[in-house]
Amino acid sequence: MNKKIITTLVAVTAITTITTGCGKTAKLKTGKDTVVALKKSKITANDLYNEIKKDSIETLIDMMDKKILDKKYKETEEEKKYIQEQIDQIKAYYKDEDSYLAVLKQYFRANSEDEFKETLSIQYKRKQAVKDYVADHIKDDEIEKYYNDNVYGDIKASHILISVNTTDDMSDEDKDKAKKEAYNKVKDIIKELDDGGDFKKLAKKYSEDKSNAKNGGDLGYFNKDEMDSNFWEAALKLEKGKYTTEPVESAYGYHVILKTGEKEKKSLKSMKKKIRETLRDEKMNNDNTLFYDTLIAIREENKMTFGDDELKKLYDEYMENLIKQAKSGASNQQ
């Protein structure tokens, strides 16, 4: 539905609300004015409004969110970049102007690129508002728990890597054989270490990680998110100066790991912002309906009320449908 039609109706004639036994219905004060006259009948402004509102809920929501979000989220360079990237992607597929405009009208209810930019601006600001709202509602005890359970000081380690030499066309039996060979080779290296071998020399001799083998397998300092999870867990458990007594399997093969250093973890105060963002992202990734539930909450906090019961019903049904689609994984966030 064209936004300009609704906007023009509202601008030309003020709306009042009439309460009847059937509920509230918004009526134009001069709603009996004729929009179109026919030989033996006419179409009034109220007739047109009642017809338009049946198909206008998406436009109404866009108008409502624009009023809410434009107050808090001023246009930024990042938003401009986002809008231009979306436009460029569509234009890359629909190079001629007529096809491009037809796509905007069919899929985005936009009659021009300017209208499409308005739609993209609302989409961008919705995402920002939801992210901010979810982050603001994360409790301090959630942040503290995450800090205690998941934040660590940087670890410094060296390693010796033996790769598993397999190819996609190998049989399962041959793949298992290759894994066993790599595993046993690492076991032999650990035995050399147990017998007093020098880790740096053994890394230079055996390690297949050529990026650091010449440096004795030194990986420098790293943290949890920068390393394979199995590798990280094994390194974390080690005491400084100790090496793993069993081969450690990762996505790259099998390792011997020597822990050479460990730093104190950063303070809760310095990590609070980052943890809040991490928890926000986790919540949004783990709950497909959170985006829409949050938009509903933002509108309600802005005292959203409807002067027309039918529009309220259409809104509720529309949002319920979006939530159902999100649960099934079929929804695109708007």
C-alpha atoms as a PDB file:
ATOM      1  CA  MET A   1       0.000   0.000   0.000  1.00  0.00           C
ATOM      2  CA  ASN A   2       1.331   3.431  -0.968  1.00  0.00           C
ATOM      3  CA  LYS A   3       2.389   5.405   2.108  1.00  0.00           C
ATOM      4  CA  LYS A   4       1.445   8.660   0.439  1.00  0.00           C
ATOM      5  CA  ILE A   5      -2.255   7.731   0.302  1.00  0.00           C
ATOM      6  CA  ILE A   6      -2.478   7.161   4.051  1.00  0.00           C
ATOM      7  CA  THR A   7      -0.317  10.162   4.885  1.00  0.00           C
ATOM      8  CA  THR A   8      -2.446  12.413   2.684  1.00  0.00           C
ATOM      9  CA  LEU A   9      -5.684  11.238   4.295  1.00  0.00           C
ATOM     10  CA  VAL A  10      -4.353  11.846   7.761  1.00  0.00           C
ATOM     11  CA  ALA A  11      -2.880  15.213   6.860  1.00  0.00           C
ATOM     12  CA  VAL A  12      -5.960  16.563   5.119  1.00  0.00           C
ATOM     13  CA  THR A  13      -8.522  15.558   7.712  1.00  0.00           C
ATOM     14  CA  ALA A  14      -7.959  15.051  11.441  1.00  0.00           C
ATOM     15  CA  ILE A  15      -8.924  11.658  12.854  1.00  0.00           C
ATOM     16  CA  THR A  16     -11.193  11.257  15.848  1.00  0.00           C
ATOM     17  CA  THR A  17     -12.105   8.056  17.664  1.00  0.00           C
ATOM     18  CA  ILE A  18     -15.692   6.909  18.047  1.00  0.00           C
ATOM     19  CA  THR A  19     -16.494   4.318  20.688  1.00  0.00           C
ATOM     20  CA  THR A  20     -19.440   2.095  19.926  1.00  0.00           C
ATOM     21  CA  GLY A  21     -20.800  -1.153  21.294  1.00  0.00           C
ATOM     22  CA  CYS A  22     -18.571  -2.931  18.779  1.00  0.00           C
ATOM     23  CA  GLY A  23     -15.372  -1.221  19.929  1.00  0.00           C
ATOM     24  CA  LYS A  24     -13.281   1.772  18.840  1.00  0.00           C
ATOM     25  CA  THR A  25     -13.205   2.847  15.222  1.00  0.00           C
ATOM     26  CA  ALA A  26     -11.158   5.771  13.936  1.00  0.00           C
ATOM     27  CA  LYS A  27     -13.263   8.178  11.867  1.00  0.00           C
ATOM     28  CA  LEU A  28     -12.233  11.261   9.952  1.00  0.00           C
ATOM     29  CA  LYS A  29     -13.921  14.390  11.307  1.00  0.00           C
ATOM     30  CA  THR A  30     -14.958  15.311   7.823  1.00  0.00           C
ATOM     31  CA  GLY A  31     -15.167  11.683   6.801  1.00  0.00           C
ATOM     32  CA  LYS A  32     -18.446  12.162   4.952  1.00  0.00           C
ATOM     33  CA  ASP A  33     -16.718  14.364   2.418  1.00  0.00           C
ATOM     34  CA  THR A  34     -16.882  12.865  -1.025  1.00  0.00           C
ATOM     35  CA  VAL A  35     -13.667  11.467  -2.439  1.00  0.00           C
ATOM     36  CA  VAL A  36     -15.288  10.176  -5.636  1.00  0.00           C
ATOM     37  CA  ALA A  37     -18.803  10.997  -6.879  1.00  0.00           C
ATOM     38  CA  LEU A  38     -20.705   8.622  -9.138  1.00  0.00           C
ATOM     39  CA  LYS A  39     -24.061   8.922 -10.883  1.00  0.00           C
ATOM     40  CA  LYS A  40     -26.092   7.368  -8.070  1.00  0.00           C
ATOM     41  CA  SER A  41     -23.497   6.864  -5.339  1.00  0.00           C
ATOM     42  CA  LYS A  42     -20.289   8.190  -3.885  1.00  0.00           C
ATOM     43  CA  ILE A  43     -17.148   7.142  -2.007  1.00  0.00           C
ATOM     44  CA  THR A  44     -16.469   9.132   1.141  1.00  0.00           C
ATOM     45  CA  ALA A  45     -13.186   9.720   2.956  1.00  0.00           C
ATOM     46  CA  ASN A  46     -14.303   7.235   5.624  1.00  0.00           C
ATOM     47  CA  ASP A  47     -15.113   4.630   2.961  1.00  0.00           C
ATOM     48  CA  LEU A  48     -11.636   5.005   1.554  1.00  0.00           C
ATOM     49  CA  TYR A  49      -9.988   4.889   4.993  1.00  0.00           C
ATOM     50  CA  ASN A  50     -11.863   1.721   5.970  1.00  0.00           C
ATOM     51  CA  GLU A  51     -10.756   0.046   2.758  1.00  0.00           C
ATOM     52  CA  ILE A  52      -7.145   1.216   2.927  1.00  0.00           C
ATOM     53  CA  LYS A  53      -6.558   0.137   6.518  1.00  0.00           C
ATOM     54  CA  LYS A  54      -7.183  -3.523   5.664  1.00  0.00           C
ATOM     55  CA  ASP A  55      -3.966  -3.628   3.651  1.00  0.00           C
ATOM     56  CA  SER A  56      -1.938  -0.926   5.380  1.00  0.00           C
ATOM     57  CA  ILE A  57      -0.599  -2.553   8.533  1.00  0.00           C
ATOM     58  CA  GLU A  58       3.001  -2.822   7.247  1.00  0.00           C
ATOM     59  CA  THR A  59       2.975   0.808   6.194  1.00  0.00           C
ATOM     60  CA  LEU A  60       1.468   1.830   9.529  1.00  0.00           C
ATOM     61  CA  ILE A  61       4.179  -0.072  11.438  1.00  0.00           C
ATOM     62  CA  ASP A  62       6.875   1.592   9.325  1.00  0.00           C
ATOM     63  CA  MET A  63       5.388   5.015  10.062  1.00  0.00           C
ATOM     64  CA  MET A  64       5.163   4.228  13.774  1.00  0.00           C
ATOM     65  CA  ASP A  65       8.726   2.918  14.045  1.00  0.00           C
ATOM     66  CA  LYS A  66      10.076   5.872  12.086  1.00  0.00           C
ATOM     67  CA  LYS A  67       8.554   8.293  14.603  1.00  0.00           C
ATOM     68  CA  ILE A  68       9.986   6.279  17.516  1.00  0.00           C
ATOM     69  CA  LEU A  69      13.444   5.576  16.133  1.00  0.00           C
ATOM     70  CA  ASP A  70      14.252   8.818  14.323  1.00  0.00           C
ATOM     71  CA  LYS A  71      14.243  10.623  17.679  1.00  0.00           C
ATOM     72  CA  LYS A  72      17.025   8.451  19.103  1.00  0.00           C
ATOM     73  CA  TYR A  73      18.951   7.274  16.046  1.00  0.00           C
ATOM     74  CA  LYS A  74      20.188  10.074  13.853  1.00  0.00           C
ATOM     75  CA  GLU A  75      21.550   9.203  10.428  1.00  0.00           C
ATOM     76  CA  THR A  76      25.193   8.097  10.570  1.00  0.00           C
ATOM     77  CA  GLU A  77      27.848   7.331   7.985  1.00  0.00           C
ATOM     78  CA  GLU A  78      27.498   3.668   8.911  1.00  0.00           C
ATOM     79  CA  GLU A  79      23.781   3.791   8.131  1.00  0.00           C
ATOM     80  CA  LYS A  80      24.447   5.515   4.788  1.00  0.00           C
ATOM     81  CA  LYS A  81      27.000   2.826   3.948  1.00  0.00           C
ATOM     82  CA  TYR A  82      24.525   0.057   4.854  1.00  0.00           C
ATOM     83  CA  ILE A  83      21.808   1.596   2.662  1.00  0.00           C
ATOM     84  CA  GLN A  84      24.132   2.032  -0.300  1.00  0.00           C
ATOM     85  CA  GLU A  85      25.416  -1.535   0.003  1.00  0.00           C
ATOM     86  CA  GLN A  86      21.849  -2.901  -0.135  1.00  0.00           C
ATOM     87  CA  ILE A  87      21.043  -0.779  -3.173  1.00  0.00           C
ATOM     88  CA  ASP A  88      24.267  -1.796  -4.935  1.00  0.00           C
ATOM     89  CA  GLN A  89      23.527  -5.490  -4.357  1.00  0.00           C
ATOM     90  CA  ILE A  90      20.117  -5.237  -6.013  1.00  0.00           C
ATOM     91  CA  LYS A  91      21.402  -3.110  -8.871  1.00  0.00           C
ATOM     92  CA  ALA A  92      24.107  -5.700  -9.516  1.00  0.00           C
ATOM     93  CA  TYR A  93      21.373  -8.201 -10.410  1.00  0.00           C
ATOM     94  CA  TYR A  94      18.866  -5.815 -12.009  1.00  0.00           C
ATOM     95  CA  LYS A  95      20.976  -3.499 -14.119  1.00  0.00           C
ATOM     96  CA  ASP A  96      18.260  -1.729 -16.131  1.00  0.00           C
ATOM     97  CA  GLU A  97      16.193   0.919 -14.364  1.00  0.00           C
ATOM     98  CA  ASP A  98      12.762  -0.557 -15.117  1.00  0.00           C
ATOM     99  CA  SER A  99      13.632  -3.995 -13.680  1.00  0.00           C
ATOM    100  CA  TYR A 100      15.249  -2.381 -10.650  1.00  0.00           C
ATOM    101  CA  LEU A 101      12.201  -0.240  -9.882  1.00  0.00           C
ATOM    102  CA  ALA A 102       9.870  -3.199 -10.471  1.00  0.00           C
ATOM    103  CA  VAL A 103      11.767  -5.219  -7.840  1.00  0.00           C
ATOM    104  CA  LEU A 104      11.594  -2.346  -5.347  1.00  0.00           C
ATOM    105  CA  LYS A 105       7.834  -2.115  -5.828  1.00  0.00           C
ATOM    106  CA  GLN A 106       7.138  -5.858  -5.732  1.00  0.00           C
ATOM    107  CA  TYR A 107       9.322  -6.865  -2.803  1.00  0.00           C
ATOM    108  CA  PHE A 108       9.828  -3.683  -0.783  1.00  0.00           C
ATOM    109  CA  ARG A 109       6.595  -1.703  -1.349  1.00  0.00           C
ATOM    110  CA  ALA A 110       8.690   1.181  -2.661  1.00  0.00           C
ATOM    111  CA  ASN A 111       7.698   3.240  -5.696  1.00  0.00           C
ATOM    112  CA  SER A 112      11.109   4.923  -5.976  1.00  0.00           C
ATOM    113  CA  GLU A 113      14.660   4.604  -4.765  1.00  0.00           C
ATOM    114  CA  ASP A 114      14.021   7.360  -2.231  1.00  0.00           C
ATOM    115  CA  GLU A 115      11.154   5.360  -0.723  1.00  0.00           C
ATOM    116  CA  PHE A 116      13.399   2.286  -0.704  1.00  0.00           C
ATOM    117  CA  LYS A 117      16.045   4.261   1.183  1.00  0.00           C
ATOM    118  CA  GLU A 118      13.416   5.144   3.793  1.00  0.00           C
ATOM    119  CA  THR A 119      12.583   1.448   4.185  1.00  0.00           C
ATOM    120  CA  LEU A 120      16.260   0.520   4.538  1.00  0.00           C
ATOM    121  CA  SER A 121      16.760   3.294   7.077  1.00  0.00           C
ATOM    122  CA  ILE A 122      13.941   1.917   9.216  1.00  0.00           C
ATOM    123  CA  GLN A 123      15.375  -1.610   8.934  1.00  0.00           C
ATOM    124  CA  TYR A 124      18.809  -0.410   9.987  1.00  0.00           C
ATOM    125  CA  LYS A 125      17.485   1.567  12.951  1.00  0.00           C
ATOM    126  CA  ARG A 126      15.289  -1.329  14.075  1.00  0.00           C
ATOM    127  CA  LYS A 127      18.341  -3.581  14.271  1.00  0.00           C
ATOM    128  CA  GLN A 128      20.280  -0.956  16.210  1.00  0.00           C
ATOM    129  CA  ALA A 129      17.373  -0.375  18.588  1.00  0.00           C
ATOM    130  CA  VAL A 130      16.914  -4.097  19.257  1.00  0.00           C
ATOM    131  CA  LYS A 131      20.639  -4.595  19.907  1.00  0.00           C
ATOM    132  CA  ASP A 132      20.699  -1.649  22.317  1.00  0.00           C
ATOM    133  CA  TYR A 133      17.513  -2.737  24.091  1.00  0.00           C
ATOM    134  CA  VAL A 134      18.714  -6.328  24.600  1.00  0.00           C
ATOM    135  CA  ALA A 135      22.125  -5.121  25.800  1.00  0.00           C
ATOM    136  CA  ASP A 136      20.577  -2.620  28.226  1.00  0.00           C
ATOM    137  CA  HIS A 137      18.446  -5.377  29.780  1.00  0.00           C
ATOM    138  CA  ILE A 138      21.339  -7.730  30.536  1.00  0.00           C
ATOM    139  CA  LYS A 139      21.735  -7.924  34.313  1.00  0.00           C
ATOM    140  CA  ASP A 140      24.990  -7.345  36.165  1.00  0.00           C
ATOM    141  CA  ASP A 141      24.916 -10.835  37.679  1.00  0.00           C
ATOM    142  CA  GLU A 142      24.773 -12.316  34.152  1.00  0.00           C
ATOM    143  CA  ILE A 143      27.861 -10.315  33.235  1.00  0.00           C
ATOM    144  CA  GLU A 144      29.677 -11.343  36.399  1.00  0.00           C
ATOM    145  CA  LYS A 145      28.872 -15.028  35.852  1.00  0.00           C
ATOM    146  CA  TYR A 146      30.141 -14.888  32.276  1.00  0.00           C
ATOM    147  CA  TYR A 147      33.302 -13.169  33.497  1.00  0.00           C
ATOM    148  CA  ASN A 148      33.957 -15.837  36.104  1.00  0.00           C
ATOM    149  CA  ASP A 149      33.214 -18.752  33.781  1.00  0.00           C
ATOM    150  CA  ASN A 150      34.548 -17.608  30.425  1.00  0.00           C
ATOM    151  CA  VAL A 151      37.156 -14.874  30.741  1.00  0.00           C
ATOM    152  CA  TYR A 152      40.806 -15.907  31.010  1.00  0.00           C
ATOM    153  CA  GLY A 153      44.210 -14.319  30.928  1.00  0.00           C
ATOM    154  CA  ASP A 154      46.248 -14.734  27.761  1.00  0.00           C
ATOM    155  CA  ILE A 155      48.279 -17.931  27.490  1.00  0.00           C
ATOM    156  CA  LYS A 156      51.660 -18.298  25.831  1.00  0.00           C
ATOM    157  CA  ALA A 157      52.582 -21.695  24.398  1.00  0.00           C
ATOM    158  CA  SER A 158      54.712 -23.543  21.902  1.00  0.00           C
ATOM    159  CA  HIS A 159      53.645 -26.627  20.011  1.00  0.00           C
ATOM    160  CA  ILE A 160      54.725 -29.415  17.717  1.00  0.00           C
ATOM    161  CA  LEU A 161      52.150 -30.294  15.066  1.00  0.00           C
ATOM    162  CA  ILE A 162      51.874 -33.525  13.149  1.00  0.00           C
ATOM    163  CA  SER A 163      49.241 -33.301  10.420  1.00  0.00           C
ATOM    164  CA  VAL A 164      46.888 -36.106   9.457  1.00  0.00           C
ATOM    165  CA  ASN A 165      47.511 -36.770   5.784  1.00  0.00           C
ATOM    166  CA  THR A 166      44.123 -37.708   4.350  1.00  0.00           C
ATOM    167  CA  THR A 167      42.211 -36.941   1.159  1.00  0.00           C
ATOM    168  CA  ASP A 168      38.498 -36.947   0.400  1.00  0.00           C
ATOM    169  CA  ASP A 169      38.768 -39.976  -1.872  1.00  0.00           C
ATOM    170  CA  MET A 170      40.412 -42.146   0.807  1.00  0.00           C
ATOM    171  CA  SER A 171      38.452 -44.973   2.400  1.00  0.00           C
ATOM    172  CA  ASP A 172      37.447 -44.717   6.071  1.00  0.00           C
ATOM    173  CA  GLU A 173      39.970 -47.448   6.823  1.00  0.00           C
ATOM    174  CA  ASP A 174      42.805 -45.495   5.182  1.00  0.00           C
ATOM    175  CA  LYS A 175      41.745 -42.313   6.989  1.00  0.00           C
ATOM    176  CA  ASP A 176      41.813 -44.103  10.344  1.00  0.00           C
ATOM    177  CA  LYS A 177      45.246 -45.486   9.491  1.00  0.00           C
ATOM    178  CA  ALA A 178      46.556 -41.980   8.699  1.00  0.00           C
ATOM    179  CA  LYS A 179      45.169 -40.642  11.988  1.00  0.00           C
ATOM    180  CA  LYS A 180      46.788 -43.459  13.919  1.00  0.00           C
ATOM    181  CA  GLU A 181      50.141 -42.811  12.252  1.00  0.00           C
ATOM    182  CA  ALA A 182      50.034 -39.113  13.191  1.00  0.00           C
ATOM    183  CA  TYR A 183      48.924 -39.957  16.738  1.00  0.00           C
ATOM    184  CA  ASN A 184      51.730 -42.470  17.212  1.00  0.00           C
ATOM    185  CA  LYS A 185      54.302 -40.028  15.830  1.00  0.00           C
ATOM    186  CA  VAL A 186      53.285 -37.491  18.472  1.00  0.00           C
ATOM    187  CA  LYS A 187      53.481 -40.205  21.135  1.00  0.00           C
ATOM    188  CA  ASP A 188      57.067 -40.881  20.042  1.00  0.00           C
ATOM    189  CA  ILE A 189      57.894 -37.149  20.283  1.00  0.00           C
ATOM    190  CA  ILE A 190      56.450 -37.025  23.805  1.00  0.00           C
ATOM    191  CA  LYS A 191      58.677 -39.984  24.713  1.00  0.00           C
ATOM    192  CA  GLU A 192      61.700 -38.062  23.442  1.00  0.00           C
ATOM    193  CA  LEU A 193      60.659 -35.152  25.670  1.00  0.00           C
ATOM    194  CA  ASP A 194      60.244 -37.513  28.629  1.00  0.00           C
ATOM    195  CA  ASP A 195      63.772 -38.745  27.975  1.00  0.00           C
ATOM    196  CA  GLY A 196      65.112 -35.197  28.261  1.00  0.00           C
ATOM    197  CA  GLY A 197      64.712 -33.949  24.699  1.00  0.00           C
ATOM    198  CA  ASP A 198      64.757 -30.191  24.031  1.00  0.00           C
ATOM    199  CA  PHE A 199      61.315 -28.924  22.966  1.00  0.00           C
ATOM    200  CA  LYS A 200      62.648 -26.219  20.647  1.00  0.00           C
ATOM    201  CA  LYS A 201      64.957 -28.614  18.828  1.00  0.00           C
ATOM    202  CA  LEU A 202      62.211 -31.222  18.463  1.00  0.00           C
ATOM    203  CA  ALA A 203      59.813 -28.579  17.129  1.00  0.00           C
ATOM    204  CA  LYS A 204      62.343 -27.511  14.509  1.00  0.00           C
ATOM    205  CA  LYS A 205      62.900 -31.167  13.563  1.00  0.00           C
ATOM    206  CA  TYR A 206      59.344 -32.515  13.528  1.00  0.00           C
ATOM    207  CA  SER A 207      56.656 -29.787  13.535  1.00  0.00           C
ATOM    208  CA  GLU A 208      54.626 -29.441  10.350  1.00  0.00           C
ATOM    209  CA  ASP A 209      53.464 -25.960  11.310  1.00  0.00           C
ATOM    210  CA  LYS A 210      56.017 -24.161   9.195  1.00  0.00           C
ATOM    211  CA  SER A 211      54.877 -20.720  10.393  1.00  0.00           C
ATOM    212  CA  ASN A 212      56.634 -21.222  13.737  1.00  0.00           C
ATOM    213  CA  ALA A 213      58.685 -24.432  13.593  1.00  0.00           C
ATOM    214  CA  LYS A 214      61.939 -22.477  13.134  1.00  0.00           C
ATOM    215  CA  ASN A 215      61.102 -20.554  16.327  1.00  0.00           C
ATOM    216  CA  GLY A 216      60.749 -23.738  18.327  1.00  0.00           C
ATOM    217  CA  GLY A 217      56.979 -23.845  17.807  1.00  0.00           C
ATOM    218  CA  ASP A 218      56.399 -20.535  19.645  1.00  0.00           C
ATOM    219  CA  LEU A 219      52.783 -19.344  19.178  1.00  0.00           C
ATOM    220  CA  GLY A 220      53.083 -16.230  21.319  1.00  0.00           C
ATOM    221  CA  TYR A 221      50.176 -15.165  23.520  1.00  0.00           C
ATOM    222  CA  PHE A 222      46.595 -16.075  22.596  1.00  0.00           C
ATOM    223  CA  ASN A 223      43.169 -16.373  24.187  1.00  0.00           C
ATOM    224  CA  LYS A 224      40.171 -18.657  24.016  1.00  0.00           C
ATOM    225  CA  ASP A 225      38.508 -17.303  20.885  1.00  0.00           C
ATOM    226  CA  GLU A 226      41.769 -17.316  18.924  1.00  0.00           C
ATOM    227  CA  MET A 227      42.512 -21.024  19.170  1.00  0.00           C
ATOM    228  CA  ASP A 228      40.970 -24.402  18.414  1.00  0.00           C
ATOM    229  CA  SER A 229      38.818 -25.354  21.425  1.00  0.00           C
ATOM    230  CA  ASN A 230      40.618 -28.661  22.124  1.00  0.00           C
ATOM    231  CA  PHE A 231      43.998 -26.927  21.877  1.00  0.00           C
ATOM    232  CA  TRP A 232      42.850 -24.146  24.211  1.00  0.00           C
ATOM    233  CA  GLU A 233      41.452 -26.508  26.838  1.00  0.00           C
ATOM    234  CA  ALA A 234      44.634 -28.558  26.874  1.00  0.00           C
ATOM    235  CA  ALA A 235      46.863 -25.473  27.158  1.00  0.00           C
ATOM    236  CA  LEU A 236      44.670 -23.981  29.887  1.00  0.00           C
ATOM    237  CA  LYS A 237      45.051 -27.051  32.107  1.00  0.00           C
ATOM    238  CA  LEU A 238      48.830 -27.087  31.902  1.00  0.00           C
ATOM    239  CA  GLU A 239      51.133 -25.587  34.501  1.00  0.00           C
ATOM    240  CA  LYS A 240      53.706 -23.147  33.198  1.00  0.00           C
ATOM    241  CA  GLY A 241      56.743 -25.064  31.940  1.00  0.00           C
ATOM    242  CA  LYS A 242      54.812 -28.316  31.490  1.00  0.00           C
ATOM    243  CA  TYR A 243      53.881 -30.074  28.252  1.00  0.00           C
ATOM    244  CA  THR A 244      50.975 -32.358  27.361  1.00  0.00           C
ATOM    245  CA  THR A 245      51.656 -36.022  28.060  1.00  0.00           C
ATOM    246  CA  GLU A 246      49.099 -37.222  25.517  1.00  0.00           C
ATOM    247  CA  PRO A 247      48.596 -36.079  21.894  1.00  0.00           C
ATOM    248  CA  VAL A 248      46.056 -33.257  21.586  1.00  0.00           C
ATOM    249  CA  GLU A 249      43.767 -33.548  18.573  1.00  0.00           C
ATOM    250  CA  SER A 250      42.600 -30.416  16.765  1.00  0.00           C
ATOM    251  CA  ALA A 251      41.241 -29.563  13.336  1.00  0.00           C
ATOM    252  CA  TYR A 252      44.861 -29.399  12.128  1.00  0.00           C
ATOM    253  CA  GLY A 253      46.124 -32.730  13.388  1.00  0.00           C
ATOM    254  CA  TYR A 254      47.828 -33.822  16.624  1.00  0.00           C
ATOM    255  CA  HIS A 255      49.913 -31.583  18.900  1.00  0.00           C
ATOM    256  CA  VAL A 256      52.341 -31.598  21.760  1.00  0.00           C
ATOM    257  CA  ILE A 257      51.804 -28.342  23.675  1.00  0.00           C
ATOM    258  CA  LEU A 258      54.276 -26.627  25.994  1.00  0.00           C
ATOM    259  CA  LYS A 259      52.894 -23.859  28.187  1.00  0.00           C
ATOM    260  CA  THR A 260      55.459 -21.044  28.507  1.00  0.00           C
ATOM    261  CA  GLY A 261      53.465 -18.204  30.054  1.00  0.00           C
ATOM    262  CA  GLU A 262      50.127 -16.998  31.407  1.00  0.00           C
ATOM    263  CA  LYS A 263      48.810 -13.514  32.189  1.00  0.00           C
ATOM    264  CA  GLU A 264      46.249 -12.402  34.758  1.00  0.00           C
ATOM    265  CA  LYS A 265      42.855 -11.873  33.217  1.00  0.00           C
ATOM    266  CA  LYS A 266      41.622  -8.327  32.718  1.00  0.00           C
ATOM    267  CA  SER A 267      39.395  -6.722  35.342  1.00  0.00           C
ATOM    268  CA  LEU A 268      35.632  -7.119  35.268  1.00  0.00           C
ATOM    269  CA  LYS A 269      35.281  -3.353  34.860  1.00  0.00           C
ATOM    270  CA  SER A 270      37.448  -3.269  31.739  1.00  0.00           C
ATOM    271  CA  MET A 271      35.655  -6.297  30.230  1.00  0.00           C
ATOM    272  CA  LYS A 272      32.081  -5.305  31.084  1.00  0.00           C
ATOM    273  CA  LYS A 273      31.226  -3.637  27.773  1.00  0.00           C
ATOM    274  CA  LYS A 274      32.648  -6.476  25.686  1.00  0.00           C
ATOM    275  CA  ILE A 275      30.892  -9.119  27.802  1.00  0.00           C
ATOM    276  CA  ARG A 276      27.589  -7.261  27.511  1.00  0.00           C
ATOM    277  CA  GLU A 277      27.943  -7.275  23.720  1.00  0.00           C
ATOM    278  CA  THR A 278      28.849 -10.971  23.716  1.00  0.00           C
ATOM    279  CA  LEU A 279      25.840 -11.894  25.856  1.00  0.00           C
ATOM    280  CA  ARG A 280      23.609  -9.725  23.668  1.00  0.00           C
ATOM    281  CA  ASP A 281      24.759 -11.535  20.547  1.00  0.00           C
ATOM    282  CA  GLU A 282      24.329 -14.918  22.208  1.00  0.00           C
ATOM    283  CA  LYS A 283      20.778 -14.093  23.267  1.00  0.00           C
ATOM    284  CA  MET A 284      19.842 -12.865  19.795  1.00  0.00           C
ATOM    285  CA  ASN A 285      21.437 -15.868  18.073  1.00  0.00           C
ATOM    286  CA  ASN A 286      19.792 -18.360  20.413  1.00  0.00           C
ATOM    287  CA  ASP A 287      16.274 -16.882  20.295  1.00  0.00           C
ATOM    288  CA  ASN A 288      14.815 -16.349  16.825  1.00  0.00           C
ATOM    289  CA  THR A 289      11.806 -14.474  18.198  1.00  0.00           C
ATOM    290  CA  LEU A 290      13.758 -12.018  20.359  1.00  0.00           C
ATOM    291  CA  PHE A 291      14.029  -9.481  17.533  1.00  0.00           C
ATOM    292  CA  TYR A 292      10.258  -9.160  17.177  1.00  0.00           C
ATOM    293  CA  ASP A 293       9.519  -9.493  20.903  1.00  0.00           C
ATOM    294  CA  THR A 294      11.908  -6.594  21.488  1.00  0.00           C
ATOM    295  CA  LEU A 295      10.321  -4.404  18.808  1.00  0.00           C
ATOM    296  CA  ILE A 296       6.943  -4.991  20.464  1.00  0.00           C
ATOM    297  CA  ALA A 297       8.419  -4.022  23.845  1.00  0.00           C
ATOM    298  CA  ILE A 298      10.012  -0.860  22.409  1.00  0.00           C
ATOM    299  CA  ARG A 299       6.681   0.243  20.928  1.00  0.00           C
ATOM    300  CA  GLU A 300       4.840  -0.472  24.167  1.00  0.00           C
ATOM    301  CA  GLU A 301       7.413   1.534  26.138  1.00  0.00           C
ATOM    302  CA  ASN A 302       6.625   4.394  23.774  1.00  0.00           C
ATOM    303  CA  LYS A 303       2.976   4.260  24.924  1.00  0.00           C
ATOM    304  CA  MET A 304       1.682   2.733  21.681  1.00  0.00           C
ATOM    305  CA  THR A 305      -2.107   2.687  21.638  1.00  0.00           C
ATOM    306  CA  PHE A 306      -4.557   2.240  18.801  1.00  0.00           C
ATOM    307  CA  GLY A 307      -7.552   4.452  18.142  1.00  0.00           C
ATOM    308  CA  ASP A 308      -9.053   1.749  15.948  1.00  0.00           C
ATOM    309  CA  ASP A 309      -9.740  -1.765  17.241  1.00  0.00           C
ATOM    310  CA  GLU A 310      -9.513  -3.308  13.788  1.00  0.00           C
ATOM    311  CA  LEU A 311      -6.021  -1.883  13.276  1.00  0.00           C
ATOM    312  CA  LYS A 312      -4.997  -3.183  16.713  1.00  0.00           C
ATOM    313  CA  LYS A 313      -6.200  -6.651  15.708  1.00  0.00           C
ATOM    314  CA  LEU A 314      -4.359  -6.451  12.384  1.00  0.00           C
ATOM    315  CA  TYR A 315      -1.182  -5.380  14.179  1.00  0.00           C
ATOM    316  CA  ASP A 316      -1.382  -8.228  16.706  1.00  0.00           C
ATOM    317  CA  GLU A 317      -2.012 -10.780  13.964  1.00  0.00           C
ATOM    318  CA  TYR A 318       0.849  -9.415  11.862  1.00  0.00           C
ATOM    319  CA  MET A 319       3.369  -9.583  14.721  1.00  0.00           C
ATOM    320  CA  GLU A 320       2.150 -13.045  15.784  1.00  0.00           C
ATOM    321  CA  ASN A 321       2.731 -14.246  12.239  1.00  0.00           C
ATOM    322  CA  LEU A 322       6.271 -12.816  12.190  1.00  0.00           C
ATOM    323  CA  ILE A 323       7.028 -14.578  15.485  1.00  0.00           C
ATOM    324  CA  LYS A 324       5.670 -17.891  14.162  1.00  0.00           C
ATOM    325  CA  GLN A 325       7.821 -17.551  11.055  1.00  0.00           C
ATOM    326  CA  ALA A 326      10.854 -16.761  13.208  1.00  0.00           C
ATOM    327  CA  LYS A 327      10.266 -19.889  15.292  1.00  0.00           C
ATOM    328  CA  SER A 328      10.205 -21.981  12.141  1.00  0.00           C
ATOM    329  CA  GLY A 329      13.343 -20.250  10.842  1.00  0.00           C
ATOM    330  CA  ALA A 330      11.466 -18.848   7.834  1.00  0.00           C
ATOM    331  CA  SER A 331      11.431 -15.185   8.762  1.00  0.00           C
ATOM    332  CA  ASN A 332      13.647 -12.375   7.489  1.00  0.00           C
ATOM    333  CA  GLN A 333      14.197  -9.662  10.070  1.00  0.00           C
ATOM    334  CA  GLN A 334      12.858  -6.365   8.815  1.00  0.00           C
END
